[in-house]
Amino acid sequence: MTLQEILIALGGGSGVVGLVVAAARSKNARAYLARLVTAVDLGDAVKALQTVVEAQGESIEWLRSELSSAKQELEVARMQLAKTEALAIENAALRSRVADLEAQVHKLEDELKRRRSWRPKNV
C-alpha cells in the first residue's frame, strides 16, 4: 500500500489529507515527502492522522447535537412568539373595547346628569 493510498484511506476528503495528497503529486514535494517519511516513523504518522480523523468525527457529532438543540430552542421560541403575538392582538382588541365602553359610560353619565337637572317649563 502506498503512502497516498494510506492517506486517502485514513482521511478521505479532509483538508489536511487533501493537501498531503496534492503535495505527493508534485515532483518537488514528493521528494521532500519521501525524505520526511523516512525520517518519521510511519506508524506514528498513521496514529496521528487517525487521532485527527477521530477528533473531526467527534467534532461533527458535537455540531450535530448543537444543531439539534438549537432547532428545538428555535421551535420553542417560535411558539412563544406566536402566543405573544396572539396576546398582543387580544390586548389591542380589549383596549379598543375598553375605550368604547369608557366613551359609552361617559355619555350615559352626561345624559343622567342632564336628566336630573331637567325642570319642566312653566305653563
PDB file of N, CA and C in Angstrom:
ATOM      1  N   MET A   1       0.850  -1.171   0.000  1.00  0.00           N
ATOM      2  CA  MET A   1       0.000   0.000   0.000  1.00  0.00           C
ATOM      3  C   MET A   1       0.899   1.239   0.000  1.00  0.00           C
ATOM      4  N   THR A   2       0.621   2.192  -0.890  1.00  0.00           N
ATOM      5  CA  THR A   2       1.442   3.389  -0.977  1.00  0.00           C
ATOM      6  C   THR A   2       1.015   4.392   0.075  1.00  0.00           C
ATOM      7  N   LEU A   3       1.866   5.391   0.286  1.00  0.00           N
ATOM      8  CA  LEU A   3       1.547   6.452   1.252  1.00  0.00           C
ATOM      9  C   LEU A   3       0.281   7.174   0.844  1.00  0.00           C
ATOM     10  N   GLN A   4       0.126   7.412  -0.429  1.00  0.00           N
ATOM     11  CA  GLN A   4      -1.063   8.120  -0.921  1.00  0.00           C
ATOM     12  C   GLN A   4      -2.318   7.307  -0.618  1.00  0.00           C
ATOM     13  N   GLU A   5      -2.286   5.995  -0.810  1.00  0.00           N
ATOM     14  CA  GLU A   5      -3.435   5.148  -0.519  1.00  0.00           C
ATOM     15  C   GLU A   5      -3.753   5.147   0.967  1.00  0.00           C
ATOM     16  N   ILE A   6      -2.698   5.127   1.798  1.00  0.00           N
ATOM     17  CA  ILE A   6      -2.903   5.162   3.252  1.00  0.00           C
ATOM     18  C   ILE A   6      -3.570   6.462   3.657  1.00  0.00           C
ATOM     19  N   LEU A   7      -3.081   7.574   3.137  1.00  0.00           N
ATOM     20  CA  LEU A   7      -3.645   8.878   3.494  1.00  0.00           C
ATOM     21  C   LEU A   7      -5.091   8.999   3.039  1.00  0.00           C
ATOM     22  N   ILE A   8      -5.380   8.501   1.845  1.00  0.00           N
ATOM     23  CA  ILE A   8      -6.756   8.561   1.340  1.00  0.00           C
ATOM     24  C   ILE A   8      -7.662   7.678   2.182  1.00  0.00           C
ATOM     25  N   ALA A   9      -7.193   6.482   2.552  1.00  0.00           N
ATOM     26  CA  ALA A   9      -7.991   5.576   3.366  1.00  0.00           C
ATOM     27  C   ALA A   9      -8.265   6.151   4.747  1.00  0.00           C
ATOM     28  N   LEU A  10      -7.317   6.870   5.301  1.00  0.00           N
ATOM     29  CA  LEU A  10      -7.493   7.438   6.639  1.00  0.00           C
ATOM     30  C   LEU A  10      -8.396   8.654   6.657  1.00  0.00           C
ATOM     31  N   GLY A  11      -8.170   9.577   5.738  1.00  0.00           N
ATOM     32  CA  GLY A  11      -8.843  10.857   5.873  1.00  0.00           C
ATOM     33  C   GLY A  11      -9.908  11.153   4.857  1.00  0.00           C
ATOM     34  N   GLY A  12      -9.987  10.451   3.798  1.00  0.00           N
ATOM     35  CA  GLY A  12     -11.000  10.743   2.791  1.00  0.00           C
ATOM     36  C   GLY A  12     -10.830  12.128   2.235  1.00  0.00           C
ATOM     37  N   GLY A  13     -11.804  12.986   2.445  1.00  0.00           N
ATOM     38  CA  GLY A  13     -11.778  14.315   1.839  1.00  0.00           C
ATOM     39  C   GLY A  13     -11.368  15.424   2.778  1.00  0.00           C
ATOM     40  N   SER A  14     -10.735  15.126   3.907  1.00  0.00           N
ATOM     41  CA  SER A  14     -10.361  16.204   4.821  1.00  0.00           C
ATOM     42  C   SER A  14      -9.308  17.095   4.195  1.00  0.00           C
ATOM     43  N   GLY A  15      -9.263  18.337   4.635  1.00  0.00           N
ATOM     44  CA  GLY A  15      -8.351  19.322   4.054  1.00  0.00           C
ATOM     45  C   GLY A  15      -6.893  18.968   4.190  1.00  0.00           C
ATOM     46  N   VAL A  16      -6.507  18.454   5.347  1.00  0.00           N
ATOM     47  CA  VAL A  16      -5.096  18.123   5.588  1.00  0.00           C
ATOM     48  C   VAL A  16      -4.662  17.002   4.661  1.00  0.00           C
ATOM     49  N   VAL A  17      -5.480  15.976   4.563  1.00  0.00           N
ATOM     50  CA  VAL A  17      -5.140  14.843   3.699  1.00  0.00           C
ATOM     51  C   VAL A  17      -5.112  15.300   2.249  1.00  0.00           C
ATOM     52  N   GLY A  18      -6.034  16.156   1.875  1.00  0.00           N
ATOM     53  CA  GLY A  18      -6.047  16.681   0.512  1.00  0.00           C
ATOM     54  C   GLY A  18      -4.768  17.420   0.185  1.00  0.00           C
ATOM     55  N   LEU A  19      -4.286  18.210   1.145  1.00  0.00           N
ATOM     56  CA  LEU A  19      -3.027  18.930   0.927  1.00  0.00           C
ATOM     57  C   LEU A  19      -1.856  17.970   0.789  1.00  0.00           C
ATOM     58  N   VAL A  20      -1.846  16.936   1.638  1.00  0.00           N
ATOM     59  CA  VAL A  20      -0.751  15.963   1.577  1.00  0.00           C
ATOM     60  C   VAL A  20      -0.785  15.209   0.253  1.00  0.00           C
ATOM     61  N   VAL A  21      -1.979  14.825  -0.183  1.00  0.00           N
ATOM     62  CA  VAL A  21      -2.109  14.106  -1.456  1.00  0.00           C
ATOM     63  C   VAL A  21      -1.691  15.005  -2.608  1.00  0.00           C
ATOM     64  N   ALA A  22      -2.124  16.263  -2.578  1.00  0.00           N
ATOM     65  CA  ALA A  22      -1.733  17.204  -3.634  1.00  0.00           C
ATOM     66  C   ALA A  22      -0.224  17.400  -3.631  1.00  0.00           C
ATOM     67  N   ALA A  23       0.359  17.473  -2.451  1.00  0.00           N
ATOM     68  CA  ALA A  23       1.811  17.626  -2.368  1.00  0.00           C
ATOM     69  C   ALA A  23       2.508  16.365  -2.873  1.00  0.00           C
ATOM     70  N   ALA A  24       1.900  15.193  -2.627  1.00  0.00           N
ATOM     71  CA  ALA A  24       2.506  13.941  -3.079  1.00  0.00           C
ATOM     72  C   ALA A  24       2.510  13.851  -4.603  1.00  0.00           C
ATOM     73  N   ARG A  25       1.627  14.537  -5.266  1.00  0.00           N
ATOM     74  CA  ARG A  25       1.576  14.520  -6.734  1.00  0.00           C
ATOM     75  C   ARG A  25       2.626  15.426  -7.364  1.00  0.00           C
ATOM     76  N   SER A  26       3.087  16.414  -6.616  1.00  0.00           N
ATOM     77  CA  SER A  26       4.118  17.326  -7.122  1.00  0.00           C
ATOM     78  C   SER A  26       5.483  16.654  -7.028  1.00  0.00           C
ATOM     79  N   LYS A  27       6.301  16.802  -8.064  1.00  0.00           N
ATOM     80  CA  LYS A  27       7.608  16.138  -8.085  1.00  0.00           C
ATOM     81  C   LYS A  27       8.515  16.649  -6.966  1.00  0.00           C
ATOM     82  N   ASN A  28       8.589  17.963  -6.782  1.00  0.00           N
ATOM     83  CA  ASN A  28       9.444  18.540  -5.738  1.00  0.00           C
ATOM     84  C   ASN A  28       8.949  18.135  -4.354  1.00  0.00           C
ATOM     85  N   ALA A  29       7.638  18.227  -4.177  1.00  0.00           N
ATOM     86  CA  ALA A  29       7.078  17.898  -2.875  1.00  0.00           C
ATOM     87  C   ALA A  29       7.195  16.409  -2.597  1.00  0.00           C
ATOM     88  N   ARG A  30       7.124  15.572  -3.633  1.00  0.00           N
ATOM     89  CA  ARG A  30       7.230  14.135  -3.465  1.00  0.00           C
ATOM     90  C   ARG A  30       8.607  13.764  -2.912  1.00  0.00           C
ATOM     91  N   ALA A  31       9.647  14.411  -3.428  1.00  0.00           N
ATOM     92  CA  ALA A  31      10.999  14.134  -2.942  1.00  0.00           C
ATOM     93  C   ALA A  31      11.122  14.552  -1.475  1.00  0.00           C
ATOM     94  N   TYR A  32      10.604  15.718  -1.163  1.00  0.00           N
ATOM     95  CA  TYR A  32      10.633  16.197   0.223  1.00  0.00           C
ATOM     96  C   TYR A  32       9.831  15.260   1.121  1.00  0.00           C
ATOM     97  N   LEU A  33       8.664  14.834   0.644  1.00  0.00           N
ATOM     98  CA  LEU A  33       7.805  13.947   1.407  1.00  0.00           C
ATOM     99  C   LEU A  33       8.483  12.595   1.639  1.00  0.00           C
ATOM    100  N   ALA A  34       9.204  12.115   0.629  1.00  0.00           N
ATOM    101  CA  ALA A  34       9.920  10.834   0.776  1.00  0.00           C
ATOM    102  C   ALA A  34      10.971  10.944   1.866  1.00  0.00           C
ATOM    103  N   ARG A  35      11.695  12.057   1.891  1.00  0.00           N
ATOM    104  CA  ARG A  35      12.689  12.260   2.961  1.00  0.00           C
ATOM    105  C   ARG A  35      12.015  12.376   4.316  1.00  0.00           C
ATOM    106  N   LEU A  36      10.878  13.031   4.335  1.00  0.00           N
ATOM    107  CA  LEU A  36      10.144  13.203   5.582  1.00  0.00           C
ATOM    108  C   LEU A  36       9.632  11.865   6.095  1.00  0.00           C
ATOM    109  N   VAL A  37       9.108  11.038   5.185  1.00  0.00           N
ATOM    110  CA  VAL A  37       8.579   9.735   5.587  1.00  0.00           C
ATOM    111  C   VAL A  37       9.683   8.843   6.128  1.00  0.00           C
ATOM    112  N   THR A  38      10.848   8.913   5.540  1.00  0.00           N
ATOM    113  CA  THR A  38      11.949   8.094   6.049  1.00  0.00           C
ATOM    114  C   THR A  38      12.422   8.606   7.398  1.00  0.00           C
ATOM    115  N   ALA A  39      12.278   9.902   7.631  1.00  0.00           N
ATOM    116  CA  ALA A  39      12.738  10.474   8.895  1.00  0.00           C
ATOM    117  C   ALA A  39      11.730  10.221  10.020  1.00  0.00           C
ATOM    118  N   VAL A  40      10.458  10.157   9.688  1.00  0.00           N
ATOM    119  CA  VAL A  40       9.414   9.999  10.700  1.00  0.00           C
ATOM    120  C   VAL A  40       8.898   8.571  10.658  1.00  0.00           C
ATOM    121  N   ASP A  41       8.649   8.031  11.807  1.00  0.00           N
ATOM    122  CA  ASP A  41       8.092   6.684  11.870  1.00  0.00           C
ATOM    123  C   ASP A  41       6.695   6.709  11.259  1.00  0.00           C
ATOM    124  N   LEU A  42       6.462   5.874  10.263  1.00  0.00           N
ATOM    125  CA  LEU A  42       5.186   5.861   9.552  1.00  0.00           C
ATOM    126  C   LEU A  42       4.037   5.454  10.474  1.00  0.00           C
ATOM    127  N   GLY A  43       4.270   4.586  11.402  1.00  0.00           N
ATOM    128  CA  GLY A  43       3.225   4.165  12.348  1.00  0.00           C
ATOM    129  C   GLY A  43       2.742   5.323  13.199  1.00  0.00           C
ATOM    130  N   ASP A  44       3.669   6.145  13.673  1.00  0.00           N
ATOM    131  CA  ASP A  44       3.275   7.317  14.468  1.00  0.00           C
ATOM    132  C   ASP A  44       2.476   8.297  13.627  1.00  0.00           C
ATOM    133  N   ALA A  45       2.879   8.457  12.367  1.00  0.00           N
ATOM    134  CA  ALA A  45       2.155   9.369  11.476  1.00  0.00           C
ATOM    135  C   ALA A  45       0.737   8.875  11.244  1.00  0.00           C
ATOM    136  N   VAL A  46       0.588   7.572  11.037  1.00  0.00           N
ATOM    137  CA  VAL A  46      -0.741   6.995  10.836  1.00  0.00           C
ATOM    138  C   VAL A  46      -1.581   7.171  12.094  1.00  0.00           C
ATOM    139  N   LYS A  47      -1.002   6.932  13.262  1.00  0.00           N
ATOM    140  CA  LYS A  47      -1.738   7.117  14.521  1.00  0.00           C
ATOM    141  C   LYS A  47      -2.160   8.575  14.703  1.00  0.00           C
ATOM    142  N   ALA A  48      -1.267   9.489  14.344  1.00  0.00           N
ATOM    143  CA  ALA A  48      -1.596  10.913  14.452  1.00  0.00           C
ATOM    144  C   ALA A  48      -2.742  11.266  13.520  1.00  0.00           C
ATOM    145  N   LEU A  49      -2.713  10.744  12.303  1.00  0.00           N
ATOM    146  CA  LEU A  49      -3.810  11.003  11.364  1.00  0.00           C
ATOM    147  C   LEU A  49      -5.113  10.379  11.852  1.00  0.00           C
ATOM    148  N   GLN A  50      -5.048   9.206  12.443  1.00  0.00           N
ATOM    149  CA  GLN A  50      -6.240   8.573  12.991  1.00  0.00           C
ATOM    150  C   GLN A  50      -6.831   9.428  14.116  1.00  0.00           C
ATOM    151  N   THR A  51      -5.960   9.971  14.953  1.00  0.00           N
ATOM    152  CA  THR A  51      -6.415  10.842  16.038  1.00  0.00           C
ATOM    153  C   THR A  51      -7.126  12.073  15.484  1.00  0.00           C
ATOM    154  N   VAL A  52      -6.551  12.651  14.429  1.00  0.00           N
ATOM    155  CA  VAL A  52      -7.167  13.831  13.809  1.00  0.00           C
ATOM    156  C   VAL A  52      -8.532  13.475  13.243  1.00  0.00           C
ATOM    157  N   VAL A  53      -8.608  12.336  12.558  1.00  0.00           N
ATOM    158  CA  VAL A  53      -9.880  11.913  11.967  1.00  0.00           C
ATOM    159  C   VAL A  53     -10.913  11.643  13.061  1.00  0.00           C
ATOM    160  N   GLU A  54     -10.515  10.985  14.142  1.00  0.00           N
ATOM    161  CA  GLU A  54     -11.442  10.729  15.247  1.00  0.00           C
ATOM    162  C   GLU A  54     -11.919  12.033  15.876  1.00  0.00           C
ATOM    163  N   ALA A  55     -11.007  12.976  16.038  1.00  0.00           N
ATOM    164  CA  ALA A  55     -11.369  14.274  16.616  1.00  0.00           C
ATOM    165  C   ALA A  55     -12.357  14.993  15.711  1.00  0.00           C
ATOM    166  N   GLN A  56     -12.151  14.901  14.401  1.00  0.00           N
ATOM    167  CA  GLN A  56     -13.085  15.535  13.477  1.00  0.00           C
ATOM    168  C   GLN A  56     -14.456  14.881  13.567  1.00  0.00           C
ATOM    169  N   GLY A  57     -14.473  13.557  13.716  1.00  0.00           N
ATOM    170  CA  GLY A  57     -15.742  12.847  13.859  1.00  0.00           C
ATOM    171  C   GLY A  57     -16.479  13.270  15.117  1.00  0.00           C
ATOM    172  N   GLU A  58     -15.746  13.379  16.237  1.00  0.00           N
ATOM    173  CA  GLU A  58     -16.350  13.838  17.483  1.00  0.00           C
ATOM    174  C   GLU A  58     -16.840  15.269  17.342  1.00  0.00           C
ATOM    175  N   SER A  59     -16.069  16.082  16.652  1.00  0.00           N
ATOM    176  CA  SER A  59     -16.453  17.475  16.442  1.00  0.00           C
ATOM    177  C   SER A  59     -17.727  17.559  15.610  1.00  0.00           C
ATOM    178  N   ILE A  60     -17.848  16.711  14.608  1.00  0.00           N
ATOM    179  CA  ILE A  60     -19.049  16.705  13.775  1.00  0.00           C
ATOM    180  C   ILE A  60     -20.258  16.268  14.604  1.00  0.00           C
ATOM    181  N   GLU A  61     -20.085  15.257  15.440  1.00  0.00           N
ATOM    182  CA  GLU A  61     -21.180  14.807  16.303  1.00  0.00           C
ATOM    183  C   GLU A  61     -21.594  15.914  17.270  1.00  0.00           C
ATOM    184  N   TRP A  62     -20.620  16.626  17.825  1.00  0.00           N
ATOM    185  CA  TRP A  62     -20.923  17.739  18.725  1.00  0.00           C
ATOM    186  C   TRP A  62     -21.716  18.801  17.982  1.00  0.00           C
ATOM    187  N   LEU A  63     -21.289  19.122  16.755  1.00  0.00           N
ATOM    188  CA  LEU A  63     -22.007  20.116  15.964  1.00  0.00           C
ATOM    189  C   LEU A  63     -23.431  19.667  15.665  1.00  0.00           C
ATOM    190  N   ARG A  64     -23.597  18.385  15.380  1.00  0.00           N
ATOM    191  CA  ARG A  64     -24.948  17.864  15.119  1.00  0.00           C
ATOM    192  C   ARG A  64     -25.827  17.993  16.350  1.00  0.00           C
ATOM    193  N   SER A  65     -25.280  17.669  17.516  1.00  0.00           N
ATOM    194  CA  SER A  65     -26.082  17.779  18.740  1.00  0.00           C
ATOM    195  C   SER A  65     -26.415  19.244  19.038  1.00  0.00           C
ATOM    196  N   GLU A  66     -25.453  20.137  18.800  1.00  0.00           N
ATOM    197  CA  GLU A  66     -25.713  21.565  18.995  1.00  0.00           C
ATOM    198  C   GLU A  66     -26.789  22.053  18.032  1.00  0.00           C
ATOM    199  N   LEU A  67     -26.735  21.598  16.791  1.00  0.00           N
ATOM    200  CA  LEU A  67     -27.744  21.965  15.797  1.00  0.00           C
ATOM    201  C   LEU A  67     -29.110  21.476  16.226  1.00  0.00           C
ATOM    202  N   SER A  68     -29.175  20.256  16.712  1.00  0.00           N
ATOM    203  CA  SER A  68     -30.442  19.687  17.159  1.00  0.00           C
ATOM    204  C   SER A  68     -31.029  20.487  18.317  1.00  0.00           C
ATOM    205  N   SER A  69     -30.200  20.816  19.303  1.00  0.00           N
ATOM    206  CA  SER A  69     -30.715  21.584  20.443  1.00  0.00           C
ATOM    207  C   SER A  69     -31.090  23.004  20.027  1.00  0.00           C
ATOM    208  N   ALA A  70     -30.343  23.594  19.101  1.00  0.00           N
ATOM    209  CA  ALA A  70     -30.682  24.942  18.623  1.00  0.00           C
ATOM    210  C   ALA A  70     -32.012  24.921  17.876  1.00  0.00           C
ATOM    211  N   LYS A  71     -32.264  23.863  17.108  1.00  0.00           N
ATOM    212  CA  LYS A  71     -33.547  23.743  16.404  1.00  0.00           C
ATOM    213  C   LYS A  71     -34.697  23.616  17.393  1.00  0.00           C
ATOM    214  N   GLN A  72     -34.487  22.845  18.474  1.00  0.00           N
ATOM    215  CA  GLN A  72     -35.527  22.702  19.493  1.00  0.00           C
ATOM    216  C   GLN A  72     -35.806  24.041  20.169  1.00  0.00           C
ATOM    217  N   GLU A  73     -34.749  24.770  20.517  1.00  0.00           N
ATOM    218  CA  GLU A  73     -34.915  26.092  21.132  1.00  0.00           C
ATOM    219  C   GLU A  73     -35.638  27.039  20.196  1.00  0.00           C
ATOM    220  N   LEU A  74     -35.298  26.978  18.913  1.00  0.00           N
ATOM    221  CA  LEU A  74     -35.960  27.825  17.918  1.00  0.00           C
ATOM    222  C   LEU A  74     -37.443  27.524  17.848  1.00  0.00           C
ATOM    223  N   GLU A  75     -37.807  26.259  17.869  1.00  0.00           N
ATOM    224  CA  GLU A  75     -39.218  25.875  17.810  1.00  0.00           C
ATOM    225  C   GLU A  75     -39.967  26.389  19.032  1.00  0.00           C
ATOM    226  N   VAL A  76     -39.363  26.257  20.213  1.00  0.00           N
ATOM    227  CA  VAL A  76     -39.985  26.762  21.442  1.00  0.00           C
ATOM    228  C   VAL A  76     -40.150  28.280  21.361  1.00  0.00           C
ATOM    229  N   ALA A  77     -39.107  28.969  20.891  1.00  0.00           N
ATOM    230  CA  ALA A  77     -39.172  30.426  20.777  1.00  0.00           C
ATOM    231  C   ALA A  77     -40.248  30.849  19.774  1.00  0.00           C
ATOM    232  N   ARG A  78     -40.381  30.114  18.678  1.00  0.00           N
ATOM    233  CA  ARG A  78     -41.427  30.436  17.694  1.00  0.00           C
ATOM    234  C   ARG A  78     -42.810  30.274  18.292  1.00  0.00           C
ATOM    235  N   MET A  79     -43.006  29.201  19.077  1.00  0.00           N
ATOM    236  CA  MET A  79     -44.313  29.000  19.713  1.00  0.00           C
ATOM    237  C   MET A  79     -44.604  30.123  20.706  1.00  0.00           C
ATOM    238  N   GLN A  80     -43.591  30.517  21.482  1.00  0.00           N
ATOM    239  CA  GLN A  80     -43.789  31.607  22.443  1.00  0.00           C
ATOM    240  C   GLN A  80     -44.092  32.919  21.722  1.00  0.00           C
ATOM    241  N   LEU A  81     -43.407  33.144  20.603  1.00  0.00           N
ATOM    242  CA  LEU A  81     -43.655  34.350  19.824  1.00  0.00           C
ATOM    243  C   LEU A  81     -45.075  34.360  19.282  1.00  0.00           C
ATOM    244  N   ALA A  82     -45.544  33.211  18.805  1.00  0.00           N
ATOM    245  CA  ALA A  82     -46.915  33.127  18.295  1.00  0.00           C
ATOM    246  C   ALA A  82     -47.920  33.426  19.409  1.00  0.00           C
ATOM    247  N   LYS A  83     -47.660  32.886  20.617  1.00  0.00           N
ATOM    248  CA  LYS A  83     -48.546  33.158  21.749  1.00  0.00           C
ATOM    249  C   LYS A  83     -48.522  34.649  22.099  1.00  0.00           C
ATOM    250  N   THR A  84     -47.328  35.230  22.089  1.00  0.00           N
ATOM    251  CA  THR A  84     -47.195  36.654  22.405  1.00  0.00           C
ATOM    252  C   THR A  84     -47.921  37.509  21.385  1.00  0.00           C
ATOM    253  N   GLU A  85     -47.794  37.142  20.117  1.00  0.00           N
ATOM    254  CA  GLU A  85     -48.482  37.892  19.075  1.00  0.00           C
ATOM    255  C   GLU A  85     -49.987  37.784  19.242  1.00  0.00           C
ATOM    256  N   ALA A  86     -50.480  36.592  19.595  1.00  0.00           N
ATOM    257  CA  ALA A  86     -51.914  36.407  19.817  1.00  0.00           C
ATOM    258  C   ALA A  86     -52.368  37.256  21.001  1.00  0.00           C
ATOM    259  N   LEU A  87     -51.550  37.293  22.056  1.00  0.00           N
ATOM    260  CA  LEU A  87     -51.896  38.124  23.210  1.00  0.00           C
ATOM    261  C   LEU A  87     -51.896  39.606  22.848  1.00  0.00           C
ATOM    262  N   ALA A  88     -50.960  40.015  22.010  1.00  0.00           N
ATOM    263  CA  ALA A  88     -50.919  41.417  21.591  1.00  0.00           C
ATOM    264  C   ALA A  88     -52.175  41.785  20.817  1.00  0.00           C
ATOM    265  N   ILE A  89     -52.638  40.879  19.967  1.00  0.00           N
ATOM    266  CA  ILE A  89     -53.872  41.128  19.209  1.00  0.00           C
ATOM    267  C   ILE A  89     -55.059  41.206  20.153  1.00  0.00           C
ATOM    268  N   GLU A  90     -55.122  40.275  21.124  1.00  0.00           N
ATOM    269  CA  GLU A  90     -56.202  40.293  22.115  1.00  0.00           C
ATOM    270  C   GLU A  90     -56.158  41.585  22.928  1.00  0.00           C
ATOM    271  N   ASN A  91     -54.951  41.999  23.341  1.00  0.00           N
ATOM    272  CA  ASN A  91     -54.809  43.229  24.121  1.00  0.00           C
ATOM    273  C   ASN A  91     -55.273  44.442  23.326  1.00  0.00           C
ATOM    274  N   ALA A  92     -54.953  44.494  22.064  1.00  0.00           N
ATOM    275  CA  ALA A  92     -55.385  45.618  21.227  1.00  0.00           C
ATOM    276  C   ALA A  92     -56.909  45.641  21.120  1.00  0.00           C
ATOM    277  N   ALA A  93     -57.513  44.467  20.947  1.00  0.00           N
ATOM    278  CA  ALA A  93     -58.976  44.396  20.873  1.00  0.00           C
ATOM    279  C   ALA A  93     -59.594  44.811  22.203  1.00  0.00           C
ATOM    280  N   LEU A  94     -58.995  44.376  23.325  1.00  0.00           N
ATOM    281  CA  LEU A  94     -59.514  44.757  24.641  1.00  0.00           C
ATOM    282  C   LEU A  94     -59.370  46.262  24.890  1.00  0.00           C
ATOM    283  N   ARG A  95     -58.233  46.818  24.481  1.00  0.00           N
ATOM    284  CA  ARG A  95     -58.056  48.268  24.635  1.00  0.00           C
ATOM    285  C   ARG A  95     -59.131  49.032  23.872  1.00  0.00           C
ATOM    286  N   SER A  96     -59.412  48.574  22.665  1.00  0.00           N
ATOM    287  CA  SER A  96     -60.447  49.219  21.857  1.00  0.00           C
ATOM    288  C   SER A  96     -61.808  49.085  22.532  1.00  0.00           C
ATOM    289  N   ARG A  97     -62.123  47.897  23.056  1.00  0.00           N
ATOM    290  CA  ARG A  97     -63.402  47.679  23.737  1.00  0.00           C
ATOM    291  C   ARG A  97     -63.497  48.535  24.995  1.00  0.00           C
ATOM    292  N   VAL A  98     -62.405  48.616  25.766  1.00  0.00           N
ATOM    293  CA  VAL A  98     -62.395  49.453  26.971  1.00  0.00           C
ATOM    294  C   VAL A  98     -62.626  50.914  26.603  1.00  0.00           C
ATOM    295  N   ALA A  99     -61.993  51.386  25.555  1.00  0.00           N
ATOM    296  CA  ALA A  99     -62.176  52.774  25.122  1.00  0.00           C
ATOM    297  C   ALA A  99     -63.621  53.013  24.712  1.00  0.00           C
ATOM    298  N   ASP A 100     -64.214  52.045  23.996  1.00  0.00           N
ATOM    299  CA  ASP A 100     -65.628  52.182  23.605  1.00  0.00           C
ATOM    300  C   ASP A 100     -66.537  52.218  24.831  1.00  0.00           C
ATOM    301  N   LEU A 101     -66.278  51.339  25.789  1.00  0.00           N
ATOM    302  CA  LEU A 101     -67.099  51.298  26.997  1.00  0.00           C
ATOM    303  C   LEU A 101     -66.932  52.563  27.835  1.00  0.00           C
ATOM    304  N   GLU A 102     -65.703  53.077  27.918  1.00  0.00           N
ATOM    305  CA  GLU A 102     -65.482  54.323  28.658  1.00  0.00           C
ATOM    306  C   GLU A 102     -66.250  55.474  28.008  1.00  0.00           C
ATOM    307  N   ALA A 103     -66.228  55.530  26.700  1.00  0.00           N
ATOM    308  CA  ALA A 103     -66.971  56.575  25.991  1.00  0.00           C
ATOM    309  C   ALA A 103     -68.470  56.417  26.229  1.00  0.00           C
ATOM    310  N   GLN A 104     -68.957  55.183  26.218  1.00  0.00           N
ATOM    311  CA  GLN A 104     -70.378  54.932  26.451  1.00  0.00           C
ATOM    312  C   GLN A 104     -70.766  55.317  27.873  1.00  0.00           C
ATOM    313  N   VAL A 105     -69.935  54.948  28.853  1.00  0.00           N
ATOM    314  CA  VAL A 105     -70.199  55.302  30.251  1.00  0.00           C
ATOM    315  C   VAL A 105     -70.234  56.817  30.413  1.00  0.00           C
ATOM    316  N   HIS A 106     -69.266  57.496  29.821  1.00  0.00           N
ATOM    317  CA  HIS A 106     -69.220  58.956  29.914  1.00  0.00           C
ATOM    318  C   HIS A 106     -70.484  59.576  29.302  1.00  0.00           C
ATOM    319  N   LYS A 107     -70.904  59.051  28.168  1.00  0.00           N
ATOM    320  CA  LYS A 107     -72.108  59.556  27.502  1.00  0.00           C
ATOM    321  C   LYS A 107     -73.340  59.322  28.370  1.00  0.00           C
ATOM    322  N   LEU A 108     -73.455  58.124  28.970  1.00  0.00           N
ATOM    323  CA  LEU A 108     -74.600  57.823  29.837  1.00  0.00           C
ATOM    324  C   LEU A 108     -74.588  58.672  31.102  1.00  0.00           C
ATOM    325  N   GLU A 109     -73.418  58.901  31.660  1.00  0.00           N
ATOM    326  CA  GLU A 109     -73.323  59.767  32.846  1.00  0.00           C
ATOM    327  C   GLU A 109     -73.783  61.182  32.509  1.00  0.00           C
ATOM    328  N   ASP A 110     -73.365  61.695  31.363  1.00  0.00           N
ATOM    329  CA  ASP A 110     -73.785  63.034  30.926  1.00  0.00           C
ATOM    330  C   ASP A 110     -75.301  63.086  30.738  1.00  0.00           C
ATOM    331  N   GLU A 111     -75.844  62.049  30.129  1.00  0.00           N
ATOM    332  CA  GLU A 111     -77.294  62.004  29.914  1.00  0.00           C
ATOM    333  C   GLU A 111     -78.021  61.972  31.249  1.00  0.00           C
ATOM    334  N   LEU A 112     -77.533  61.172  32.194  1.00  0.00           N
ATOM    335  CA  LEU A 112     -78.152  61.094  33.514  1.00  0.00           C
ATOM    336  C   LEU A 112     -78.061  62.441  34.222  1.00  0.00           C
ATOM    337  N   LYS A 113     -76.948  63.086  34.143  1.00  0.00           N
ATOM    338  CA  LYS A 113     -76.766  64.393  34.768  1.00  0.00           C
ATOM    339  C   LYS A 113     -77.720  65.415  34.153  1.00  0.00           C
ATOM    340  N   ARG A 114     -77.869  65.348  32.842  1.00  0.00           N
ATOM    341  CA  ARG A 114     -78.766  66.271  32.146  1.00  0.00           C
ATOM    342  C   ARG A 114     -80.199  66.026  32.585  1.00  0.00           C
ATOM    343  N   ARG A 115     -80.596  64.780  32.736  1.00  0.00           N
ATOM    344  CA  ARG A 115     -81.980  64.474  33.103  1.00  0.00           C
ATOM    345  C   ARG A 115     -82.269  64.832  34.560  1.00  0.00           C
ATOM    346  N   ARG A 116     -81.321  64.749  35.401  1.00  0.00           N
ATOM    347  CA  ARG A 116     -81.521  65.111  36.799  1.00  0.00           C
ATOM    348  C   ARG A 116     -81.741  66.610  36.955  1.00  0.00           C
ATOM    349  N   SER A 117     -81.095  67.331  36.148  1.00  0.00           N
ATOM    350  CA  SER A 117     -81.226  68.779  36.281  1.00  0.00           C
ATOM    351  C   SER A 117     -82.366  69.348  35.424  1.00  0.00           C
ATOM    352  N   TRP A 118     -83.132  68.500  34.830  1.00  0.00           N
ATOM    353  CA  TRP A 118     -84.239  68.958  33.976  1.00  0.00           C
ATOM    354  C   TRP A 118     -85.397  69.426  34.826  1.00  0.00           C
ATOM    355  N   ARG A 119     -85.929  70.551  34.459  1.00  0.00           N
ATOM    356  CA  ARG A 119     -87.082  71.101  35.156  1.00  0.00           C
ATOM    357  C   ARG A 119     -88.134  71.461  34.124  1.00  0.00           C
ATOM    358  N   PRO A 120     -89.357  71.165  34.449  1.00  0.00           N
ATOM    359  CA  PRO A 120     -90.405  71.486  33.463  1.00  0.00           C
ATOM    360  C   PRO A 120     -90.592  73.003  33.332  1.00  0.00           C
ATOM    361  N   LYS A 121     -91.006  73.393  32.138  1.00  0.00           N
ATOM    362  CA  LYS A 121     -91.248  74.807  31.872  1.00  0.00           C
ATOM    363  C   LYS A 121     -92.576  75.219  32.515  1.00  0.00           C
ATOM    364  N   ASN A 122     -92.646  76.423  32.898  1.00  0.00           N
ATOM    365  CA  ASN A 122     -93.911  76.928  33.472  1.00  0.00           C
ATOM    366  C   ASN A 122     -94.925  77.083  32.361  1.00  0.00           C
ATOM    367  N   VAL A 123     -96.032  76.546  32.578  1.00  0.00           N
ATOM    368  CA  VAL A 123     -97.066  76.609  31.563  1.00  0.00           C
ATOM    369  C   VAL A 123     -98.087  77.615  31.915  1.00  0.00           C
TER     370      VAL A 123
END
